[in-house]
Amino acid sequence: MLKPGGVLRIMLYNYPSVGAMLVWLLHGPMRLRPIGPRAAYAHYVESPGTQMFSPREAVAALRPFFDPSTIRCRTFLGAGDLLTQKLSSRYPGRSWRLIQRLYPRWFVRHLVGDRFGTVLTVEARKPMASADGLSTR
Protein backbone atom coordinates (compact mmCIF):
# COMPACT_ATOMS: atom_id res chain seq x y z
CA MET A 1 0.00 0.00 0.00
CA LEU A 2 1.33 3.42 -0.93
CA LYS A 3 0.24 6.81 0.28
CA PRO A 4 -0.74 9.31 -2.43
CA GLY A 5 2.43 10.53 -4.11
CA GLY A 6 4.36 7.50 -2.83
CA VAL A 7 6.90 5.78 -5.04
CA LEU A 8 6.81 2.09 -5.91
CA ARG A 9 10.19 0.47 -6.58
CA ILE A 10 10.23 -3.19 -7.57
CA MET A 11 12.49 -5.69 -9.27
CA LEU A 12 11.07 -8.16 -11.78
CA TYR A 13 12.65 -10.71 -14.09
CA ASN A 14 13.05 -9.29 -17.59
CA TYR A 15 12.09 -11.16 -20.74
CA PRO A 16 13.66 -11.59 -23.18
CA SER A 17 16.99 -11.87 -21.42
CA VAL A 18 20.35 -13.56 -21.76
CA GLY A 19 19.74 -15.52 -18.54
CA ALA A 20 16.36 -16.82 -19.71
CA MET A 21 17.86 -17.96 -23.00
CA LEU A 22 20.74 -19.75 -21.23
CA VAL A 23 18.37 -21.59 -18.88
CA TRP A 24 16.04 -22.43 -21.77
CA LEU A 25 18.90 -23.78 -23.92
CA LEU A 26 20.16 -25.92 -21.06
CA HIS A 27 16.82 -27.35 -19.95
CA GLY A 28 14.89 -27.24 -23.24
CA PRO A 29 16.64 -27.95 -26.55
CA MET A 30 19.79 -29.52 -25.07
CA ARG A 31 17.64 -32.05 -23.21
CA LEU A 32 15.05 -32.37 -26.00
CA ARG A 33 12.31 -30.93 -23.79
CA PRO A 34 9.50 -28.90 -25.39
CA ILE A 35 9.56 -26.01 -22.91
CA GLY A 36 9.56 -22.27 -23.53
CA PRO A 37 12.09 -19.82 -22.08
CA ARG A 38 9.70 -18.30 -19.54
CA ALA A 39 8.55 -21.70 -18.29
CA ALA A 40 12.12 -22.97 -18.12
CA TYR A 41 13.18 -19.96 -16.04
CA ALA A 42 10.22 -20.35 -13.68
CA HIS A 43 10.77 -24.07 -13.24
CA TYR A 44 14.57 -24.31 -13.10
CA VAL A 45 15.66 -20.99 -11.59
CA GLU A 46 12.85 -19.97 -9.30
CA SER A 47 9.65 -21.66 -8.25
CA PRO A 48 6.58 -22.49 -10.32
CA GLY A 49 4.50 -19.38 -10.70
CA THR A 50 7.51 -17.09 -11.14
CA GLN A 51 6.86 -14.77 -14.03
CA MET A 52 9.06 -12.78 -16.37
CA PHE A 53 7.93 -9.45 -17.82
CA SER A 54 9.02 -7.26 -20.67
CA PRO A 55 9.18 -3.56 -19.81
CA ARG A 56 6.07 -3.06 -21.96
CA GLU A 57 4.20 -5.75 -19.98
CA ALA A 58 5.30 -4.20 -16.67
CA VAL A 59 4.02 -0.78 -17.76
CA ALA A 60 0.71 -2.30 -18.92
CA ALA A 61 0.26 -4.05 -15.55
CA LEU A 62 0.89 -0.83 -13.60
CA ARG A 63 -0.95 1.60 -15.89
CA PRO A 64 -4.37 1.17 -14.16
CA PHE A 65 -2.87 2.16 -10.80
CA PHE A 66 -0.15 4.68 -11.66
CA ASP A 67 0.22 7.64 -13.98
CA PRO A 68 1.94 6.14 -17.06
CA SER A 69 4.18 9.21 -17.37
CA THR A 70 5.77 8.30 -14.00
CA ILE A 71 6.51 4.64 -14.80
CA ARG A 72 10.21 4.04 -15.48
CA CYS A 73 11.75 0.68 -16.42
CA ARG A 74 15.46 -0.19 -16.58
CA THR A 75 17.12 -3.47 -17.36
CA PHE A 76 20.50 -4.70 -16.14
CA LEU A 77 22.73 -7.68 -16.73
CA GLY A 78 22.81 -9.86 -13.62
CA ALA A 79 25.11 -12.60 -12.38
CA GLY A 80 23.03 -15.22 -14.21
CA ASP A 81 23.42 -13.35 -17.50
CA LEU A 82 27.19 -13.12 -17.08
CA LEU A 83 27.68 -16.50 -15.35
CA THR A 84 29.56 -14.82 -12.51
CA GLN A 85 27.55 -16.37 -9.67
CA LYS A 86 29.00 -19.02 -7.40
CA LEU A 87 28.18 -22.44 -8.85
CA SER A 88 25.56 -24.25 -6.77
CA SER A 89 25.10 -27.94 -6.12
CA ARG A 90 22.73 -27.94 -9.09
CA TYR A 91 25.71 -27.32 -11.38
CA PRO A 92 28.66 -29.30 -9.97
CA GLY A 93 31.80 -30.51 -11.66
CA ARG A 94 34.64 -29.51 -13.89
CA SER A 95 32.54 -29.04 -17.00
CA TRP A 96 30.51 -26.24 -15.37
CA ARG A 97 33.64 -24.51 -14.11
CA LEU A 98 35.07 -24.69 -17.63
CA ILE A 99 31.86 -23.27 -19.15
CA GLN A 100 31.92 -20.47 -16.59
CA ARG A 101 35.58 -19.73 -17.36
CA LEU A 102 35.10 -19.71 -21.17
CA TYR A 103 31.82 -17.77 -21.19
CA PRO A 104 32.08 -14.67 -23.45
CA ARG A 105 31.30 -11.98 -20.83
CA TRP A 106 32.90 -9.22 -22.88
CA PHE A 107 30.60 -10.02 -25.81
CA VAL A 108 27.51 -10.12 -23.59
CA ARG A 109 28.40 -6.89 -21.76
CA HIS A 110 29.42 -4.84 -24.77
CA LEU A 111 27.45 -6.18 -27.69
CA VAL A 112 24.30 -7.54 -26.09
CA GLY A 113 24.23 -5.13 -23.16
CA ASP A 114 21.83 -4.29 -20.38
CA ARG A 115 18.81 -4.26 -22.68
CA PHE A 116 18.72 -8.06 -22.46
CA GLY A 117 19.62 -8.34 -18.79
CA THR A 118 17.47 -10.44 -16.50
CA VAL A 119 17.08 -7.70 -13.89
CA LEU A 120 14.16 -5.33 -14.60
CA THR A 121 13.68 -2.47 -12.15
CA VAL A 122 10.44 -0.53 -12.20
CA GLU A 123 9.63 2.75 -10.53
CA ALA A 124 6.21 4.46 -10.50
CA ARG A 125 4.60 7.26 -8.50
CA LYS A 126 1.11 6.87 -7.07
CA PRO A 127 -1.19 9.74 -8.08
CA MET A 128 -1.96 12.40 -5.45
CA ALA A 129 -5.43 12.26 -3.94
CA SER A 130 -7.72 15.26 -4.35
CA ALA A 131 -9.73 16.88 -1.52
CA ASP A 132 -12.69 14.56 -2.26
CA GLY A 133 -10.45 11.51 -1.80
CA LEU A 134 -10.36 10.64 -5.48
CA SER A 135 -7.21 10.33 -7.49
CA THR A 136 -6.11 13.43 -9.37
CA ARG A 137 -5.26 11.30 -12.35
C-alpha atoms as a PDB file:
ATOM      1  CA  MET A   1       0.000   0.000   0.000  1.00  0.00           C
ATOM      2  CA  LEU A   2       1.330   3.420  -0.932  1.00  0.00           C
ATOM      3  CA  LYS A   3       0.238   6.809   0.284  1.00  0.00           C
ATOM      4  CA  PRO A   4      -0.744   9.312  -2.433  1.00  0.00           C
ATOM      5  CA  GLY A   5       2.429  10.533  -4.109  1.00  0.00           C
ATOM      6  CA  GLY A   6       4.355   7.500  -2.828  1.00  0.00           C
ATOM      7  CA  VAL A   7       6.902   5.782  -5.043  1.00  0.00           C
ATOM      8  CA  LEU A   8       6.807   2.094  -5.910  1.00  0.00           C
ATOM      9  CA  ARG A   9      10.186   0.474  -6.576  1.00  0.00           C
ATOM     10  CA  ILE A  10      10.228  -3.191  -7.573  1.00  0.00           C
ATOM     11  CA  MET A  11      12.488  -5.692  -9.271  1.00  0.00           C
ATOM     12  CA  LEU A  12      11.070  -8.158 -11.778  1.00  0.00           C
ATOM     13  CA  TYR A  13      12.651 -10.708 -14.090  1.00  0.00           C
ATOM     14  CA  ASN A  14      13.047  -9.290 -17.593  1.00  0.00           C
ATOM     15  CA  TYR A  15      12.094 -11.159 -20.737  1.00  0.00           C
ATOM     16  CA  PRO A  16      13.665 -11.587 -23.183  1.00  0.00           C
ATOM     17  CA  SER A  17      16.992 -11.870 -21.422  1.00  0.00           C
ATOM     18  CA  VAL A  18      20.350 -13.562 -21.758  1.00  0.00           C
ATOM     19  CA  GLY A  19      19.738 -15.517 -18.542  1.00  0.00           C
ATOM     20  CA  ALA A  20      16.359 -16.818 -19.710  1.00  0.00           C
ATOM     21  CA  MET A  21      17.864 -17.961 -22.999  1.00  0.00           C
ATOM     22  CA  LEU A  22      20.735 -19.751 -21.233  1.00  0.00           C
ATOM     23  CA  VAL A  23      18.370 -21.588 -18.882  1.00  0.00           C
ATOM     24  CA  TRP A  24      16.042 -22.433 -21.768  1.00  0.00           C
ATOM     25  CA  LEU A  25      18.896 -23.779 -23.923  1.00  0.00           C
ATOM     26  CA  LEU A  26      20.164 -25.915 -21.059  1.00  0.00           C
ATOM     27  CA  HIS A  27      16.824 -27.345 -19.953  1.00  0.00           C
ATOM     28  CA  GLY A  28      14.895 -27.245 -23.240  1.00  0.00           C
ATOM     29  CA  PRO A  29      16.637 -27.955 -26.550  1.00  0.00           C
ATOM     30  CA  MET A  30      19.787 -29.520 -25.070  1.00  0.00           C
ATOM     31  CA  ARG A  31      17.636 -32.052 -23.214  1.00  0.00           C
ATOM     32  CA  LEU A  32      15.050 -32.371 -26.000  1.00  0.00           C
ATOM     33  CA  ARG A  33      12.310 -30.925 -23.791  1.00  0.00           C
ATOM     34  CA  PRO A  34       9.504 -28.900 -25.392  1.00  0.00           C
ATOM     35  CA  ILE A  35       9.559 -26.015 -22.908  1.00  0.00           C
ATOM     36  CA  GLY A  36       9.561 -22.272 -23.529  1.00  0.00           C
ATOM     37  CA  PRO A  37      12.093 -19.819 -22.080  1.00  0.00           C
ATOM     38  CA  ARG A  38       9.699 -18.297 -19.538  1.00  0.00           C
ATOM     39  CA  ALA A  39       8.547 -21.698 -18.289  1.00  0.00           C
ATOM     40  CA  ALA A  40      12.125 -22.970 -18.117  1.00  0.00           C
ATOM     41  CA  TYR A  41      13.175 -19.960 -16.039  1.00  0.00           C
ATOM     42  CA  ALA A  42      10.220 -20.352 -13.679  1.00  0.00           C
ATOM     43  CA  HIS A  43      10.775 -24.067 -13.244  1.00  0.00           C
ATOM     44  CA  TYR A  44      14.566 -24.314 -13.097  1.00  0.00           C
ATOM     45  CA  VAL A  45      15.660 -20.988 -11.593  1.00  0.00           C
ATOM     46  CA  GLU A  46      12.852 -19.968  -9.304  1.00  0.00           C
ATOM     47  CA  SER A  47       9.646 -21.658  -8.246  1.00  0.00           C
ATOM     48  CA  PRO A  48       6.581 -22.486 -10.323  1.00  0.00           C
ATOM     49  CA  GLY A  49       4.505 -19.377 -10.696  1.00  0.00           C
ATOM     50  CA  THR A  50       7.508 -17.095 -11.144  1.00  0.00           C
ATOM     51  CA  GLN A  51       6.856 -14.773 -14.034  1.00  0.00           C
ATOM     52  CA  MET A  52       9.055 -12.779 -16.373  1.00  0.00           C
ATOM     53  CA  PHE A  53       7.925  -9.448 -17.824  1.00  0.00           C
ATOM     54  CA  SER A  54       9.019  -7.262 -20.665  1.00  0.00           C
ATOM     55  CA  PRO A  55       9.183  -3.555 -19.806  1.00  0.00           C
ATOM     56  CA  ARG A  56       6.070  -3.064 -21.956  1.00  0.00           C
ATOM     57  CA  GLU A  57       4.201  -5.752 -19.982  1.00  0.00           C
ATOM     58  CA  ALA A  58       5.295  -4.198 -16.669  1.00  0.00           C
ATOM     59  CA  VAL A  59       4.017  -0.782 -17.755  1.00  0.00           C
ATOM     60  CA  ALA A  60       0.708  -2.302 -18.922  1.00  0.00           C
ATOM     61  CA  ALA A  61       0.258  -4.055 -15.546  1.00  0.00           C
ATOM     62  CA  LEU A  62       0.893  -0.829 -13.601  1.00  0.00           C
ATOM     63  CA  ARG A  63      -0.951   1.596 -15.890  1.00  0.00           C
ATOM     64  CA  PRO A  64      -4.371   1.174 -14.160  1.00  0.00           C
ATOM     65  CA  PHE A  65      -2.874   2.164 -10.802  1.00  0.00           C
ATOM     66  CA  PHE A  66      -0.150   4.678 -11.663  1.00  0.00           C
ATOM     67  CA  ASP A  67       0.223   7.641 -13.977  1.00  0.00           C
ATOM     68  CA  PRO A  68       1.936   6.138 -17.058  1.00  0.00           C
ATOM     69  CA  SER A  69       4.181   9.208 -17.371  1.00  0.00           C
ATOM     70  CA  THR A  70       5.774   8.302 -14.003  1.00  0.00           C
ATOM     71  CA  ILE A  71       6.513   4.643 -14.800  1.00  0.00           C
ATOM     72  CA  ARG A  72      10.211   4.038 -15.476  1.00  0.00           C
ATOM     73  CA  CYS A  73      11.753   0.685 -16.417  1.00  0.00           C
ATOM     74  CA  ARG A  74      15.456  -0.186 -16.585  1.00  0.00           C
ATOM     75  CA  THR A  75      17.123  -3.472 -17.359  1.00  0.00           C
ATOM     76  CA  PHE A  76      20.502  -4.700 -16.137  1.00  0.00           C
ATOM     77  CA  LEU A  77      22.725  -7.680 -16.734  1.00  0.00           C
ATOM     78  CA  GLY A  78      22.813  -9.859 -13.622  1.00  0.00           C
ATOM     79  CA  ALA A  79      25.112 -12.600 -12.382  1.00  0.00           C
ATOM     80  CA  GLY A  80      23.026 -15.217 -14.210  1.00  0.00           C
ATOM     81  CA  ASP A  81      23.425 -13.346 -17.496  1.00  0.00           C
ATOM     82  CA  LEU A  82      27.195 -13.125 -17.078  1.00  0.00           C
ATOM     83  CA  LEU A  83      27.679 -16.498 -15.346  1.00  0.00           C
ATOM     84  CA  THR A  84      29.560 -14.819 -12.506  1.00  0.00           C
ATOM     85  CA  GLN A  85      27.547 -16.372  -9.669  1.00  0.00           C
ATOM     86  CA  LYS A  86      28.998 -19.024  -7.402  1.00  0.00           C
ATOM     87  CA  LEU A  87      28.177 -22.438  -8.848  1.00  0.00           C
ATOM     88  CA  SER A  88      25.562 -24.246  -6.769  1.00  0.00           C
ATOM     89  CA  SER A  89      25.100 -27.942  -6.119  1.00  0.00           C
ATOM     90  CA  ARG A  90      22.733 -27.936  -9.093  1.00  0.00           C
ATOM     91  CA  TYR A  91      25.714 -27.319 -11.385  1.00  0.00           C
ATOM     92  CA  PRO A  92      28.657 -29.300  -9.967  1.00  0.00           C
ATOM     93  CA  GLY A  93      31.804 -30.513 -11.655  1.00  0.00           C
ATOM     94  CA  ARG A  94      34.644 -29.508 -13.887  1.00  0.00           C
ATOM     95  CA  SER A  95      32.538 -29.037 -17.000  1.00  0.00           C
ATOM     96  CA  TRP A  96      30.506 -26.244 -15.374  1.00  0.00           C
ATOM     97  CA  ARG A  97      33.643 -24.510 -14.110  1.00  0.00           C
ATOM     98  CA  LEU A  98      35.067 -24.685 -17.630  1.00  0.00           C
ATOM     99  CA  ILE A  99      31.862 -23.272 -19.152  1.00  0.00           C
ATOM    100  CA  GLN A 100      31.916 -20.471 -16.593  1.00  0.00           C
ATOM    101  CA  ARG A 101      35.583 -19.732 -17.359  1.00  0.00           C
ATOM    102  CA  LEU A 102      35.102 -19.706 -21.168  1.00  0.00           C
ATOM    103  CA  TYR A 103      31.820 -17.773 -21.194  1.00  0.00           C
ATOM    104  CA  PRO A 104      32.085 -14.670 -23.449  1.00  0.00           C
ATOM    105  CA  ARG A 105      31.301 -11.984 -20.830  1.00  0.00           C
ATOM    106  CA  TRP A 106      32.898  -9.220 -22.878  1.00  0.00           C
ATOM    107  CA  PHE A 107      30.603 -10.022 -25.807  1.00  0.00           C
ATOM    108  CA  VAL A 108      27.512 -10.120 -23.593  1.00  0.00           C
ATOM    109  CA  ARG A 109      28.404  -6.891 -21.756  1.00  0.00           C
ATOM    110  CA  HIS A 110      29.418  -4.841 -24.768  1.00  0.00           C
ATOM    111  CA  LEU A 111      27.453  -6.181 -27.690  1.00  0.00           C
ATOM    112  CA  VAL A 112      24.295  -7.540 -26.087  1.00  0.00           C
ATOM    113  CA  GLY A 113      24.228  -5.126 -23.164  1.00  0.00           C
ATOM    114  CA  ASP A 114      21.827  -4.295 -20.380  1.00  0.00           C
ATOM    115  CA  ARG A 115      18.806  -4.265 -22.677  1.00  0.00           C
ATOM    116  CA  PHE A 116      18.717  -8.061 -22.465  1.00  0.00           C
ATOM    117  CA  GLY A 117      19.624  -8.338 -18.793  1.00  0.00           C
ATOM    118  CA  THR A 118      17.469 -10.442 -16.496  1.00  0.00           C
ATOM    119  CA  VAL A 119      17.083  -7.697 -13.888  1.00  0.00           C
ATOM    120  CA  LEU A 120      14.165  -5.328 -14.598  1.00  0.00           C
ATOM    121  CA  THR A 121      13.682  -2.471 -12.151  1.00  0.00           C
ATOM    122  CA  VAL A 122      10.439  -0.529 -12.203  1.00  0.00           C
ATOM    123  CA  GLU A 123       9.628   2.748 -10.527  1.00  0.00           C
ATOM    124  CA  ALA A 124       6.214   4.457 -10.501  1.00  0.00           C
ATOM    125  CA  ARG A 125       4.599   7.257  -8.497  1.00  0.00           C
ATOM    126  CA  LYS A 126       1.108   6.874  -7.075  1.00  0.00           C
ATOM    127  CA  PRO A 127      -1.194   9.740  -8.075  1.00  0.00           C
ATOM    128  CA  MET A 128      -1.961  12.404  -5.453  1.00  0.00           C
ATOM    129  CA  ALA A 129      -5.433  12.256  -3.936  1.00  0.00           C
ATOM    130  CA  SER A 130      -7.720  15.259  -4.347  1.00  0.00           C
ATOM    131  CA  ALA A 131      -9.729  16.875  -1.519  1.00  0.00           C
ATOM    132  CA  ASP A 132     -12.685  14.562  -2.264  1.00  0.00           C
ATOM    133  CA  GLY A 133     -10.450  11.513  -1.798  1.00  0.00           C
ATOM    134  CA  LEU A 134     -10.365  10.639  -5.480  1.00  0.00           C
ATOM    135  CA  SER A 135      -7.209  10.327  -7.492  1.00  0.00           C
ATOM    136  CA  THR A 136      -6.108  13.434  -9.373  1.00  0.00           C
ATOM    137  CA  ARG A 137      -5.264  11.304 -12.351  1.00  0.00           C
END
